[in-house]
Amino acid sequence: MNQNNKFNTLYPIQVEIPIQWGDMDAFNHVNNAKYFTYFESARIAYFEKLGVLGSKIQDNIAPILAETNCRFKLPLHYPDTIRVGARISEKHSHGFMMEYAVFSHKHQKISSIGTGRIVMLNYATHEKVAVNKALLEKIENKAEQILAEQAMSKIADGEEPPADQKELIRWYKKSKQRR
């Protein structure tokens, strides 16, 4: 499986971002701090899909970034367009671990990978709280639904989705019939 297919399979939420001239530093490549902004864009897109931001926050409880890191594999330069993907790789009692990747259109490779530890915070008391069961179920269902929709979109465009997405298509079609 090539890196593009692997990226599409692993990261259900993706945002496309053009690299700006101002993203680069004195060494003529994208500054390391920009990657965390790219990760943030994917993380926020993921949270928006889950409905845990803005006016949809319930009981003053919402996710907050507790720590983050990045492993650089390939320097990026202007001009290029990247896709930044996000997924939840681990679930914990008070939060979860998100994994990110940046895919360069120019190089057709993953240029960096990172993680972010997310905790659920009560913004009124400033204390971390346990992740409720409904959110954990929503995370699992939303990721499967998005991957299945992406796979069905590929089929509609005449493309064959990767083999591991075929099972998701069946699941998604059955779940839509039950509604």
Foldseek 3Di string as FASTA:
>chain_A
DAQVLVQLQPFLFKDKAWDDQVQDDPVQFGDPVVVVVRQVVRVVSLCVLLQQDDPSPPQQKGKDWDDKDKDFAATHHPGWMKMKGKAFDAADFFFTKMKIWIATPVVRHTGMIMITTMGIARNVVRDTHTDDPVSVVSRVVSSLLSLLVVQVVCVVVVHHRPPVNVVSVVVNVVVVVVD
